[in-house]
Amino acid sequence: MKETGRMLLSVLAAAVTFLILFLAAGWNLIVSAALCVGVYFGFFLLLKTDRKIGGIAVDDLPGGEVTGELLAEAKKDLAEIRRAGKQIADAFVRDDAERLYATGQRILSYLEENPEKIKRARRFFTYYLDTAARLLSRYLDFQETGLRTEEVTGILDRTARALPVLNRTFEKQFTRLMAGELMDVEADISLLEKTVQMEEGWPMGEKRTEEGE
């Protein structure tokens, strides 16, 4: 629940409490006012919802409120990309839009599981994802006009050529976010290869001792 809504409901609860205690029950003004303040803060805390990302409360993340807003806007952009993609008539453009949505959805799911990396994805959220949503939305708007003038056709063609570029950018962004995991896998593979080379390099007939003996 947003802060404004929480505040209004808390004020309403406090006002009702004051009316009941002071006017209806005839309690002392100061006592009634003090209890109203308590009711206000009690409701304000009670109505607070603990939003979580990857099992971590938003408030516990660095810049938690901003992080929550980034994810909320990203979900809106993805929903717009999906909506436009389903309604685009051109099959190639539609396929590119669906690829954008699929990659964007995977990135969002990955970041929700790894919220500490969300800050590194700010440019992806605020520029690339937002740009993709706006381009597809405008493409759909122009498509629905039914106009085939040189200007409209030119914009549709330029948008169609821009989508593969965006798809490559989405994939690069995802790869950068997963850099740590990629390095870990490379290290594991390198260690495995060295281990196998060492095992195969033991002289024939030589009895190996167990590690630690």
N, C-alpha and C. Protein backbone atom coordinates (compact mmCIF):
# COMPACT_ATOMS: atom_id res chain seq x y z
N MET A 1 0.84 -1.20 0.00
CA MET A 1 0.00 0.00 0.00
C MET A 1 0.87 1.24 0.00
N LYS A 2 0.52 2.23 -0.83
CA LYS A 2 1.31 3.43 -0.92
C LYS A 2 1.18 4.27 0.33
N GLU A 3 2.20 5.15 0.55
CA GLU A 3 2.25 5.96 1.76
C GLU A 3 1.01 6.83 1.93
N THR A 4 0.53 7.43 0.85
CA THR A 4 -0.63 8.32 0.94
C THR A 4 -1.86 7.56 1.42
N GLY A 5 -2.07 6.37 0.86
CA GLY A 5 -3.22 5.56 1.27
C GLY A 5 -3.13 5.15 2.72
N ARG A 6 -1.93 4.74 3.15
CA ARG A 6 -1.74 4.36 4.56
C ARG A 6 -2.04 5.53 5.47
N MET A 7 -1.57 6.70 5.08
CA MET A 7 -1.75 7.89 5.90
C MET A 7 -3.23 8.26 6.03
N LEU A 8 -3.96 8.22 4.90
CA LEU A 8 -5.37 8.58 4.92
C LEU A 8 -6.19 7.62 5.77
N LEU A 9 -5.93 6.32 5.63
CA LEU A 9 -6.65 5.34 6.44
C LEU A 9 -6.33 5.47 7.92
N SER A 10 -5.08 5.77 8.22
CA SER A 10 -4.67 5.95 9.62
C SER A 10 -5.34 7.18 10.22
N VAL A 11 -5.40 8.28 9.44
CA VAL A 11 -6.06 9.50 9.91
C VAL A 11 -7.55 9.23 10.15
N LEU A 12 -8.17 8.48 9.24
CA LEU A 12 -9.59 8.16 9.38
C LEU A 12 -9.85 7.34 10.63
N ALA A 13 -8.98 6.34 10.87
CA ALA A 13 -9.14 5.51 12.07
C ALA A 13 -8.97 6.34 13.33
N ALA A 14 -8.00 7.26 13.33
CA ALA A 14 -7.77 8.12 14.49
C ALA A 14 -8.95 9.06 14.71
N ALA A 15 -9.51 9.60 13.63
CA ALA A 15 -10.65 10.52 13.75
C ALA A 15 -11.87 9.82 14.30
N VAL A 16 -12.13 8.60 13.81
CA VAL A 16 -13.28 7.83 14.31
C VAL A 16 -13.10 7.52 15.79
N THR A 17 -11.88 7.16 16.16
CA THR A 17 -11.59 6.87 17.57
C THR A 17 -11.85 8.09 18.44
N PHE A 18 -11.41 9.26 17.97
CA PHE A 18 -11.61 10.50 18.73
C PHE A 18 -13.10 10.80 18.89
N LEU A 19 -13.87 10.66 17.83
CA LEU A 19 -15.30 10.93 17.89
C LEU A 19 -16.00 10.01 18.88
N ILE A 20 -15.61 8.75 18.86
CA ILE A 20 -16.23 7.78 19.78
C ILE A 20 -15.88 8.08 21.23
N LEU A 21 -14.57 8.31 21.47
CA LEU A 21 -14.12 8.51 22.85
C LEU A 21 -14.55 9.86 23.43
N PHE A 22 -14.33 10.91 22.66
CA PHE A 22 -14.58 12.26 23.20
C PHE A 22 -16.05 12.68 23.11
N LEU A 23 -16.66 12.50 21.96
CA LEU A 23 -18.03 12.96 21.78
C LEU A 23 -19.06 11.96 22.27
N ALA A 24 -18.86 10.68 21.92
CA ALA A 24 -19.87 9.68 22.29
C ALA A 24 -19.70 9.20 23.73
N ALA A 25 -18.45 8.87 24.10
CA ALA A 25 -18.23 8.33 25.44
C ALA A 25 -17.95 9.40 26.49
N GLY A 26 -17.65 10.61 26.04
CA GLY A 26 -17.41 11.71 26.98
C GLY A 26 -16.09 11.63 27.71
N TRP A 27 -15.08 11.04 27.09
CA TRP A 27 -13.77 10.95 27.73
C TRP A 27 -13.10 12.32 27.75
N ASN A 28 -12.06 12.40 28.57
CA ASN A 28 -11.27 13.63 28.68
C ASN A 28 -10.62 13.94 27.33
N LEU A 29 -10.56 15.23 26.97
CA LEU A 29 -10.03 15.65 25.67
C LEU A 29 -8.59 15.21 25.47
N ILE A 30 -7.75 15.43 26.49
CA ILE A 30 -6.32 15.09 26.36
C ILE A 30 -6.13 13.59 26.22
N VAL A 31 -6.87 12.82 27.03
CA VAL A 31 -6.76 11.36 26.95
C VAL A 31 -7.22 10.86 25.59
N SER A 32 -8.34 11.42 25.11
CA SER A 32 -8.87 11.02 23.80
C SER A 32 -7.88 11.33 22.69
N ALA A 33 -7.27 12.53 22.77
CA ALA A 33 -6.30 12.93 21.74
C ALA A 33 -5.08 12.03 21.77
N ALA A 34 -4.61 11.69 22.98
CA ALA A 34 -3.43 10.83 23.10
C ALA A 34 -3.70 9.44 22.52
N LEU A 35 -4.88 8.92 22.81
CA LEU A 35 -5.23 7.60 22.27
C LEU A 35 -5.36 7.65 20.74
N CYS A 36 -5.86 8.78 20.23
CA CYS A 36 -5.98 8.93 18.77
C CYS A 36 -4.62 8.89 18.09
N VAL A 37 -3.64 9.54 18.73
CA VAL A 37 -2.28 9.52 18.18
C VAL A 37 -1.75 8.09 18.13
N GLY A 38 -2.01 7.35 19.21
CA GLY A 38 -1.59 5.95 19.25
C GLY A 38 -2.26 5.12 18.18
N VAL A 39 -3.56 5.36 17.97
CA VAL A 39 -4.31 4.64 16.94
C VAL A 39 -3.74 4.96 15.56
N TYR A 40 -3.42 6.24 15.34
CA TYR A 40 -2.88 6.65 14.04
C TYR A 40 -1.60 5.88 13.72
N PHE A 41 -0.63 5.91 14.65
CA PHE A 41 0.65 5.25 14.39
C PHE A 41 0.49 3.73 14.34
N GLY A 42 -0.43 3.21 15.14
CA GLY A 42 -0.68 1.77 15.12
C GLY A 42 -1.19 1.31 13.77
N PHE A 43 -2.18 2.03 13.24
CA PHE A 43 -2.71 1.69 11.92
C PHE A 43 -1.67 1.90 10.83
N PHE A 44 -0.88 2.96 10.96
CA PHE A 44 0.13 3.27 9.94
C PHE A 44 1.14 2.13 9.82
N LEU A 45 1.55 1.59 10.95
CA LEU A 45 2.50 0.47 10.94
C LEU A 45 1.83 -0.82 10.51
N LEU A 46 0.58 -1.01 10.95
CA LEU A 46 -0.14 -2.24 10.63
C LEU A 46 -0.40 -2.39 9.14
N LEU A 47 -0.65 -1.26 8.48
CA LEU A 47 -0.98 -1.27 7.06
C LEU A 47 0.25 -1.35 6.16
N LYS A 48 1.42 -1.30 6.74
CA LYS A 48 2.63 -1.36 5.94
C LYS A 48 2.81 -2.76 5.37
N THR A 49 3.04 -2.84 4.07
CA THR A 49 3.28 -4.12 3.43
C THR A 49 4.77 -4.30 3.17
N ASP A 50 5.30 -5.45 3.56
CA ASP A 50 6.72 -5.73 3.37
C ASP A 50 6.94 -6.33 1.99
N ARG A 51 7.28 -5.47 1.04
CA ARG A 51 7.60 -5.97 -0.29
C ARG A 51 8.95 -6.66 -0.27
N LYS A 52 9.03 -7.78 -0.96
CA LYS A 52 10.28 -8.54 -0.96
C LYS A 52 10.74 -8.80 -2.39
N ILE A 53 12.05 -8.82 -2.55
CA ILE A 53 12.67 -9.17 -3.82
C ILE A 53 13.68 -10.26 -3.53
N GLY A 54 13.45 -11.42 -4.11
CA GLY A 54 14.35 -12.54 -3.84
C GLY A 54 14.41 -12.92 -2.38
N GLY A 55 13.27 -12.79 -1.68
CA GLY A 55 13.21 -13.14 -0.27
C GLY A 55 13.77 -12.08 0.66
N ILE A 56 14.24 -10.96 0.11
CA ILE A 56 14.80 -9.87 0.92
C ILE A 56 13.83 -8.70 0.91
N ALA A 57 13.54 -8.17 2.09
CA ALA A 57 12.63 -7.02 2.17
C ALA A 57 13.22 -5.84 1.41
N VAL A 58 12.38 -5.14 0.66
CA VAL A 58 12.83 -4.01 -0.14
C VAL A 58 13.55 -2.98 0.73
N ASP A 59 13.03 -2.75 1.93
CA ASP A 59 13.63 -1.75 2.82
C ASP A 59 15.04 -2.14 3.26
N ASP A 60 15.37 -3.44 3.18
CA ASP A 60 16.70 -3.90 3.60
C ASP A 60 17.73 -3.82 2.47
N LEU A 61 17.27 -3.53 1.25
CA LEU A 61 18.19 -3.41 0.12
C LEU A 61 18.72 -1.98 0.03
N PRO A 62 19.96 -1.80 -0.44
CA PRO A 62 20.47 -0.44 -0.65
C PRO A 62 19.60 0.28 -1.67
N GLY A 63 19.07 1.45 -1.29
CA GLY A 63 18.17 2.16 -2.19
C GLY A 63 16.93 1.36 -2.48
N GLY A 64 16.39 0.69 -1.45
CA GLY A 64 15.29 -0.25 -1.61
C GLY A 64 14.07 0.30 -2.31
N GLU A 65 13.64 1.51 -1.94
CA GLU A 65 12.45 2.08 -2.55
C GLU A 65 12.65 2.32 -4.05
N VAL A 66 13.83 2.84 -4.40
CA VAL A 66 14.14 3.07 -5.81
C VAL A 66 14.20 1.74 -6.57
N THR A 67 14.77 0.73 -5.93
CA THR A 67 14.86 -0.60 -6.54
C THR A 67 13.47 -1.15 -6.82
N GLY A 68 12.58 -1.00 -5.86
CA GLY A 68 11.22 -1.46 -6.04
C GLY A 68 10.52 -0.75 -7.19
N GLU A 69 10.76 0.56 -7.30
CA GLU A 69 10.15 1.33 -8.39
C GLU A 69 10.72 0.91 -9.75
N LEU A 70 12.02 0.62 -9.80
CA LEU A 70 12.64 0.17 -11.05
C LEU A 70 11.99 -1.13 -11.54
N LEU A 71 11.80 -2.06 -10.61
CA LEU A 71 11.21 -3.34 -10.98
C LEU A 71 9.76 -3.16 -11.41
N ALA A 72 9.03 -2.29 -10.71
CA ALA A 72 7.63 -2.05 -11.07
C ALA A 72 7.52 -1.48 -12.48
N GLU A 73 8.39 -0.50 -12.79
CA GLU A 73 8.37 0.10 -14.13
C GLU A 73 8.80 -0.92 -15.19
N ALA A 74 9.77 -1.78 -14.82
CA ALA A 74 10.24 -2.79 -15.76
C ALA A 74 9.10 -3.76 -16.12
N LYS A 75 8.30 -4.12 -15.13
CA LYS A 75 7.17 -5.02 -15.39
C LYS A 75 6.14 -4.36 -16.30
N LYS A 76 5.93 -3.07 -16.13
CA LYS A 76 5.00 -2.35 -17.00
C LYS A 76 5.52 -2.33 -18.44
N ASP A 77 6.84 -2.07 -18.59
CA ASP A 77 7.44 -2.05 -19.93
C ASP A 77 7.34 -3.42 -20.59
N LEU A 78 7.60 -4.47 -19.82
CA LEU A 78 7.51 -5.83 -20.37
C LEU A 78 6.08 -6.16 -20.79
N ALA A 79 5.13 -5.71 -19.99
CA ALA A 79 3.72 -5.95 -20.33
C ALA A 79 3.36 -5.24 -21.64
N GLU A 80 3.91 -4.04 -21.83
CA GLU A 80 3.65 -3.28 -23.06
C GLU A 80 4.30 -3.96 -24.26
N ILE A 81 5.52 -4.48 -24.07
CA ILE A 81 6.19 -5.20 -25.15
C ILE A 81 5.40 -6.45 -25.54
N ARG A 82 4.91 -7.14 -24.55
CA ARG A 82 4.13 -8.36 -24.82
C ARG A 82 2.82 -8.01 -25.54
N ARG A 83 2.14 -6.96 -25.08
CA ARG A 83 0.88 -6.54 -25.70
C ARG A 83 1.08 -6.18 -27.16
N ALA A 84 2.12 -5.36 -27.41
CA ALA A 84 2.39 -4.93 -28.79
C ALA A 84 2.78 -6.12 -29.66
N GLY A 85 3.61 -6.98 -29.10
CA GLY A 85 4.08 -8.13 -29.87
C GLY A 85 2.96 -9.03 -30.36
N LYS A 86 1.92 -9.17 -29.56
CA LYS A 86 0.81 -10.03 -29.94
C LYS A 86 -0.05 -9.42 -31.05
N GLN A 87 0.01 -8.09 -31.20
CA GLN A 87 -0.89 -7.43 -32.14
C GLN A 87 -0.20 -6.96 -33.42
N ILE A 88 1.12 -7.09 -33.48
CA ILE A 88 1.84 -6.66 -34.68
C ILE A 88 1.59 -7.63 -35.82
N ALA A 89 1.27 -7.08 -36.97
CA ALA A 89 0.90 -7.91 -38.12
C ALA A 89 2.10 -8.55 -38.81
N ASP A 90 3.20 -7.80 -38.95
CA ASP A 90 4.37 -8.31 -39.64
C ASP A 90 5.00 -9.45 -38.83
N ALA A 91 5.14 -10.62 -39.44
CA ALA A 91 5.62 -11.80 -38.72
C ALA A 91 7.04 -11.63 -38.19
N PHE A 92 7.94 -11.01 -38.99
CA PHE A 92 9.32 -10.84 -38.56
C PHE A 92 9.41 -9.87 -37.38
N VAL A 93 8.68 -8.78 -37.46
CA VAL A 93 8.67 -7.80 -36.36
C VAL A 93 8.06 -8.43 -35.12
N ARG A 94 7.00 -9.20 -35.31
CA ARG A 94 6.36 -9.87 -34.17
C ARG A 94 7.32 -10.84 -33.49
N ASP A 95 8.08 -11.59 -34.29
CA ASP A 95 9.06 -12.53 -33.72
C ASP A 95 10.13 -11.78 -32.91
N ASP A 96 10.60 -10.66 -33.45
CA ASP A 96 11.61 -9.87 -32.72
C ASP A 96 11.03 -9.32 -31.42
N ALA A 97 9.77 -8.89 -31.45
CA ALA A 97 9.13 -8.38 -30.24
C ALA A 97 8.99 -9.49 -29.20
N GLU A 98 8.64 -10.68 -29.64
CA GLU A 98 8.49 -11.81 -28.72
C GLU A 98 9.84 -12.21 -28.12
N ARG A 99 10.90 -12.11 -28.92
CA ARG A 99 12.25 -12.39 -28.40
C ARG A 99 12.63 -11.36 -27.34
N LEU A 100 12.32 -10.10 -27.61
CA LEU A 100 12.60 -9.05 -26.63
C LEU A 100 11.89 -9.34 -25.31
N TYR A 101 10.63 -9.70 -25.41
CA TYR A 101 9.87 -9.99 -24.19
C TYR A 101 10.46 -11.18 -23.44
N ALA A 102 10.78 -12.25 -24.17
CA ALA A 102 11.31 -13.45 -23.53
C ALA A 102 12.63 -13.17 -22.81
N THR A 103 13.54 -12.46 -23.49
CA THR A 103 14.84 -12.13 -22.87
C THR A 103 14.64 -11.18 -21.69
N GLY A 104 13.79 -10.18 -21.88
CA GLY A 104 13.53 -9.23 -20.79
C GLY A 104 12.93 -9.92 -19.58
N GLN A 105 12.03 -10.87 -19.81
CA GLN A 105 11.42 -11.62 -18.71
C GLN A 105 12.46 -12.46 -17.97
N ARG A 106 13.37 -13.07 -18.73
CA ARG A 106 14.43 -13.87 -18.09
C ARG A 106 15.35 -12.98 -17.26
N ILE A 107 15.67 -11.80 -17.78
CA ILE A 107 16.52 -10.87 -17.03
C ILE A 107 15.83 -10.46 -15.74
N LEU A 108 14.55 -10.14 -15.82
CA LEU A 108 13.81 -9.71 -14.64
C LEU A 108 13.74 -10.83 -13.59
N SER A 109 13.49 -12.04 -14.04
CA SER A 109 13.44 -13.18 -13.12
C SER A 109 14.80 -13.40 -12.46
N TYR A 110 15.85 -13.26 -13.26
CA TYR A 110 17.21 -13.43 -12.73
C TYR A 110 17.51 -12.38 -11.66
N LEU A 111 17.13 -11.13 -11.92
CA LEU A 111 17.40 -10.05 -10.97
C LEU A 111 16.56 -10.18 -9.71
N GLU A 112 15.36 -10.71 -9.83
CA GLU A 112 14.53 -10.92 -8.64
C GLU A 112 15.14 -11.99 -7.74
N GLU A 113 15.87 -12.93 -8.35
CA GLU A 113 16.57 -13.95 -7.58
C GLU A 113 17.93 -13.46 -7.09
N ASN A 114 18.46 -12.41 -7.73
CA ASN A 114 19.75 -11.83 -7.36
C ASN A 114 19.60 -10.32 -7.19
N PRO A 115 18.82 -9.88 -6.20
CA PRO A 115 18.51 -8.44 -6.06
C PRO A 115 19.72 -7.55 -5.86
N GLU A 116 20.83 -8.12 -5.42
CA GLU A 116 22.03 -7.30 -5.22
C GLU A 116 22.59 -6.79 -6.55
N LYS A 117 22.15 -7.38 -7.68
CA LYS A 117 22.64 -6.96 -8.99
C LYS A 117 21.70 -5.97 -9.69
N ILE A 118 20.58 -5.66 -9.06
CA ILE A 118 19.60 -4.78 -9.70
C ILE A 118 20.19 -3.41 -10.00
N LYS A 119 21.02 -2.92 -9.10
CA LYS A 119 21.63 -1.60 -9.29
C LYS A 119 22.45 -1.55 -10.57
N ARG A 120 23.09 -2.67 -10.93
CA ARG A 120 23.91 -2.73 -12.15
C ARG A 120 23.04 -2.74 -13.40
N ALA A 121 21.75 -3.02 -13.25
CA ALA A 121 20.86 -3.09 -14.41
C ALA A 121 20.06 -1.81 -14.60
N ARG A 122 20.43 -0.74 -13.91
CA ARG A 122 19.65 0.50 -13.99
C ARG A 122 19.54 1.00 -15.43
N ARG A 123 20.65 1.00 -16.17
CA ARG A 123 20.59 1.51 -17.54
C ARG A 123 19.70 0.62 -18.42
N PHE A 124 19.76 -0.68 -18.18
CA PHE A 124 18.89 -1.58 -18.93
C PHE A 124 17.44 -1.23 -18.69
N PHE A 125 17.08 -0.98 -17.43
CA PHE A 125 15.70 -0.66 -17.08
C PHE A 125 15.27 0.70 -17.63
N THR A 126 16.10 1.71 -17.35
CA THR A 126 15.69 3.08 -17.64
C THR A 126 15.87 3.49 -19.09
N TYR A 127 16.69 2.77 -19.85
CA TYR A 127 16.89 3.15 -21.24
C TYR A 127 16.46 2.06 -22.22
N TYR A 128 17.15 0.92 -22.21
CA TYR A 128 16.91 -0.08 -23.23
C TYR A 128 15.51 -0.69 -23.15
N LEU A 129 15.10 -1.10 -21.96
CA LEU A 129 13.77 -1.70 -21.82
C LEU A 129 12.68 -0.67 -22.10
N ASP A 130 12.86 0.52 -21.59
CA ASP A 130 11.89 1.59 -21.82
C ASP A 130 11.81 1.95 -23.31
N THR A 131 12.97 2.01 -23.97
CA THR A 131 13.01 2.33 -25.40
C THR A 131 12.29 1.26 -26.22
N ALA A 132 12.53 -0.01 -25.87
CA ALA A 132 11.87 -1.11 -26.59
C ALA A 132 10.35 -1.01 -26.45
N ALA A 133 9.88 -0.72 -25.25
CA ALA A 133 8.44 -0.62 -25.03
C ALA A 133 7.84 0.54 -25.82
N ARG A 134 8.53 1.68 -25.83
CA ARG A 134 8.02 2.85 -26.54
C ARG A 134 8.01 2.63 -28.06
N LEU A 135 9.09 2.05 -28.59
CA LEU A 135 9.17 1.81 -30.03
C LEU A 135 8.05 0.87 -30.50
N LEU A 136 7.84 -0.20 -29.75
CA LEU A 136 6.81 -1.16 -30.14
C LEU A 136 5.41 -0.57 -29.99
N SER A 137 5.22 0.22 -28.97
CA SER A 137 3.92 0.87 -28.77
C SER A 137 3.61 1.82 -29.92
N ARG A 138 4.61 2.62 -30.32
CA ARG A 138 4.41 3.56 -31.43
C ARG A 138 4.25 2.81 -32.76
N TYR A 139 5.01 1.72 -32.93
CA TYR A 139 4.87 0.90 -34.13
C TYR A 139 3.43 0.43 -34.26
N LEU A 140 2.87 -0.06 -33.15
CA LEU A 140 1.50 -0.54 -33.15
C LEU A 140 0.52 0.58 -33.46
N ASP A 141 0.78 1.75 -32.90
CA ASP A 141 -0.09 2.91 -33.18
C ASP A 141 -0.10 3.24 -34.66
N PHE A 142 1.09 3.29 -35.29
CA PHE A 142 1.18 3.59 -36.72
C PHE A 142 0.53 2.49 -37.56
N GLN A 143 0.73 1.24 -37.13
CA GLN A 143 0.13 0.12 -37.86
C GLN A 143 -1.39 0.24 -37.87
N GLU A 144 -1.95 0.62 -36.73
CA GLU A 144 -3.41 0.67 -36.62
C GLU A 144 -4.02 1.84 -37.37
N THR A 145 -3.22 2.84 -37.77
CA THR A 145 -3.77 3.93 -38.56
C THR A 145 -4.12 3.48 -39.97
N GLY A 146 -3.44 2.41 -40.42
CA GLY A 146 -3.69 1.91 -41.76
C GLY A 146 -3.05 2.75 -42.85
N LEU A 147 -2.29 3.79 -42.46
CA LEU A 147 -1.64 4.65 -43.44
C LEU A 147 -0.44 3.96 -44.08
N ARG A 148 -0.25 4.21 -45.36
CA ARG A 148 0.91 3.64 -46.06
C ARG A 148 1.68 4.75 -46.78
N THR A 149 1.72 5.91 -46.16
CA THR A 149 2.47 7.01 -46.74
C THR A 149 3.96 6.73 -46.60
N GLU A 150 4.75 7.48 -47.35
CA GLU A 150 6.20 7.28 -47.30
C GLU A 150 6.75 7.49 -45.90
N GLU A 151 6.20 8.50 -45.18
CA GLU A 151 6.70 8.81 -43.84
C GLU A 151 6.40 7.67 -42.86
N VAL A 152 5.15 7.20 -42.89
CA VAL A 152 4.75 6.13 -41.97
C VAL A 152 5.50 4.84 -42.29
N THR A 153 5.57 4.50 -43.57
CA THR A 153 6.28 3.28 -43.98
C THR A 153 7.76 3.35 -43.57
N GLY A 154 8.34 4.54 -43.69
CA GLY A 154 9.74 4.71 -43.30
C GLY A 154 9.95 4.47 -41.82
N ILE A 155 9.04 5.00 -40.99
CA ILE A 155 9.15 4.80 -39.54
C ILE A 155 8.99 3.32 -39.19
N LEU A 156 8.03 2.66 -39.83
CA LEU A 156 7.82 1.23 -39.56
C LEU A 156 9.05 0.42 -39.94
N ASP A 157 9.65 0.75 -41.09
CA ASP A 157 10.85 0.02 -41.52
C ASP A 157 12.03 0.26 -40.58
N ARG A 158 12.22 1.51 -40.16
CA ARG A 158 13.34 1.82 -39.25
C ARG A 158 13.15 1.13 -37.91
N THR A 159 11.91 1.08 -37.43
CA THR A 159 11.64 0.38 -36.18
C THR A 159 11.94 -1.11 -36.32
N ALA A 160 11.52 -1.68 -37.44
CA ALA A 160 11.77 -3.10 -37.68
C ALA A 160 13.27 -3.40 -37.68
N ARG A 161 14.08 -2.50 -38.27
CA ARG A 161 15.53 -2.70 -38.30
C ARG A 161 16.17 -2.49 -36.93
N ALA A 162 15.53 -1.71 -36.08
CA ALA A 162 16.09 -1.43 -34.76
C ALA A 162 15.88 -2.58 -33.78
N LEU A 163 14.85 -3.38 -33.99
CA LEU A 163 14.53 -4.45 -33.04
C LEU A 163 15.63 -5.52 -32.92
N PRO A 164 16.24 -5.99 -34.02
CA PRO A 164 17.35 -6.94 -33.86
C PRO A 164 18.51 -6.35 -33.06
N VAL A 165 18.75 -5.05 -33.24
CA VAL A 165 19.80 -4.37 -32.47
C VAL A 165 19.45 -4.42 -30.98
N LEU A 166 18.20 -4.15 -30.66
CA LEU A 166 17.76 -4.20 -29.27
C LEU A 166 17.87 -5.62 -28.72
N ASN A 167 17.55 -6.60 -29.54
CA ASN A 167 17.66 -7.99 -29.07
C ASN A 167 19.09 -8.34 -28.71
N ARG A 168 20.04 -7.93 -29.55
CA ARG A 168 21.46 -8.19 -29.24
C ARG A 168 21.88 -7.45 -27.98
N THR A 169 21.36 -6.24 -27.81
CA THR A 169 21.69 -5.45 -26.62
C THR A 169 21.13 -6.11 -25.37
N PHE A 170 19.91 -6.59 -25.43
CA PHE A 170 19.31 -7.30 -24.29
C PHE A 170 20.17 -8.49 -23.89
N GLU A 171 20.61 -9.26 -24.88
CA GLU A 171 21.41 -10.44 -24.60
C GLU A 171 22.77 -10.07 -24.00
N LYS A 172 23.38 -8.98 -24.50
CA LYS A 172 24.65 -8.52 -23.94
C LYS A 172 24.47 -8.06 -22.50
N GLN A 173 23.39 -7.36 -22.23
CA GLN A 173 23.11 -6.90 -20.87
C GLN A 173 22.97 -8.09 -19.94
N PHE A 174 22.26 -9.12 -20.39
CA PHE A 174 22.07 -10.31 -19.57
C PHE A 174 23.41 -11.00 -19.31
N THR A 175 24.25 -11.08 -20.33
CA THR A 175 25.57 -11.70 -20.18
C THR A 175 26.42 -10.95 -19.17
N ARG A 176 26.37 -9.61 -19.21
CA ARG A 176 27.14 -8.81 -18.26
C ARG A 176 26.66 -9.04 -16.83
N LEU A 177 25.35 -9.14 -16.66
CA LEU A 177 24.81 -9.38 -15.32
C LEU A 177 25.25 -10.73 -14.78
N MET A 178 25.42 -11.70 -15.69
CA MET A 178 25.80 -13.05 -15.27
C MET A 178 27.31 -13.26 -15.30
N ALA A 179 28.08 -12.19 -15.38
CA ALA A 179 29.54 -12.30 -15.51
C ALA A 179 30.14 -13.14 -14.39
N GLY A 180 29.67 -12.94 -13.17
CA GLY A 180 30.22 -13.68 -12.03
C GLY A 180 30.01 -15.17 -12.17
N GLU A 181 28.78 -15.57 -12.53
CA GLU A 181 28.47 -16.98 -12.70
C GLU A 181 29.28 -17.59 -13.85
N LEU A 182 29.44 -16.82 -14.94
CA LEU A 182 30.22 -17.32 -16.08
C LEU A 182 31.67 -17.57 -15.69
N MET A 183 32.22 -16.65 -14.90
CA MET A 183 33.61 -16.82 -14.45
C MET A 183 33.74 -18.04 -13.55
N ASP A 184 32.75 -18.27 -12.69
CA ASP A 184 32.78 -19.43 -11.80
C ASP A 184 32.77 -20.73 -12.61
N VAL A 185 31.92 -20.78 -13.63
CA VAL A 185 31.84 -21.98 -14.47
C VAL A 185 33.15 -22.19 -15.22
N GLU A 186 33.73 -21.12 -15.76
CA GLU A 186 35.00 -21.23 -16.46
C GLU A 186 36.09 -21.75 -15.53
N ALA A 187 36.08 -21.27 -14.27
CA ALA A 187 37.07 -21.73 -13.31
C ALA A 187 36.88 -23.21 -13.00
N ASP A 188 35.62 -23.64 -12.86
CA ASP A 188 35.33 -25.05 -12.60
C ASP A 188 35.78 -25.93 -13.76
N ILE A 189 35.53 -25.46 -14.99
CA ILE A 189 35.93 -26.24 -16.17
C ILE A 189 37.46 -26.33 -16.27
N SER A 190 38.13 -25.21 -16.01
CA SER A 190 39.59 -25.21 -16.06
C SER A 190 40.17 -26.16 -15.02
N LEU A 191 39.60 -26.14 -13.81
CA LEU A 191 40.07 -27.04 -12.76
C LEU A 191 39.81 -28.49 -13.15
N LEU A 192 38.66 -28.76 -13.74
CA LEU A 192 38.34 -30.12 -14.18
C LEU A 192 39.33 -30.59 -15.23
N GLU A 193 39.62 -29.72 -16.21
CA GLU A 193 40.56 -30.10 -17.27
C GLU A 193 41.95 -30.40 -16.71
N LYS A 194 42.40 -29.56 -15.76
CA LYS A 194 43.72 -29.79 -15.16
C LYS A 194 43.73 -31.07 -14.34
N THR A 195 42.62 -31.33 -13.64
CA THR A 195 42.53 -32.55 -12.83
C THR A 195 42.60 -33.79 -13.71
N VAL A 196 41.86 -33.76 -14.83
CA VAL A 196 41.86 -34.90 -15.75
C VAL A 196 43.25 -35.09 -16.35
N GLN A 197 43.93 -33.99 -16.72
CA GLN A 197 45.28 -34.09 -17.27
C GLN A 197 46.25 -34.70 -16.26
N MET A 198 46.10 -34.30 -15.00
CA MET A 198 46.98 -34.86 -13.96
C MET A 198 46.71 -36.35 -13.77
N GLU A 199 45.41 -36.70 -13.78
CA GLU A 199 45.05 -38.11 -13.59
C GLU A 199 45.59 -38.96 -14.74
N GLU A 200 45.45 -38.46 -15.95
CA GLU A 200 45.90 -39.23 -17.12
C GLU A 200 47.41 -39.23 -17.25
N GLY A 201 48.06 -38.31 -16.55
CA GLY A 201 49.51 -38.20 -16.68
C GLY A 201 50.29 -39.07 -15.72
N TRP A 202 49.58 -39.81 -14.81
CA TRP A 202 50.32 -40.67 -13.89
C TRP A 202 50.99 -41.81 -14.65
N PRO A 203 52.27 -42.13 -14.32
CA PRO A 203 52.99 -43.22 -15.00
C PRO A 203 52.25 -44.54 -14.86
N MET A 204 52.25 -45.34 -15.93
CA MET A 204 51.57 -46.63 -15.93
C MET A 204 52.20 -47.53 -14.87
N GLY A 205 51.38 -48.25 -14.14
CA GLY A 205 51.87 -49.21 -13.16
C GLY A 205 52.17 -48.60 -11.82
N GLU A 206 52.21 -47.27 -11.74
CA GLU A 206 52.51 -46.63 -10.45
C GLU A 206 51.24 -46.59 -9.62
N LYS A 207 51.31 -47.07 -8.43
CA LYS A 207 50.16 -47.10 -7.55
C LYS A 207 49.95 -45.73 -6.93
N ARG A 208 48.73 -45.21 -7.12
CA ARG A 208 48.42 -43.90 -6.56
C ARG A 208 47.96 -44.05 -5.13
N THR A 209 48.37 -43.11 -4.31
CA THR A 209 47.89 -43.08 -2.93
C THR A 209 46.73 -42.14 -2.83
N GLU A 210 45.83 -42.43 -1.91
CA GLU A 210 44.66 -41.55 -1.71
C GLU A 210 45.14 -40.21 -1.19
N GLU A 211 44.42 -39.18 -1.56
CA GLU A 211 44.78 -37.82 -1.12
C GLU A 211 44.74 -37.76 0.39
N GLY A 212 45.81 -37.22 0.92
CA GLY A 212 45.87 -37.05 2.37
C GLY A 212 46.62 -38.14 3.07
N GLU A 213 46.95 -39.26 2.36
CA GLU A 213 47.72 -40.31 3.00
C GLU A 213 49.20 -40.00 2.99
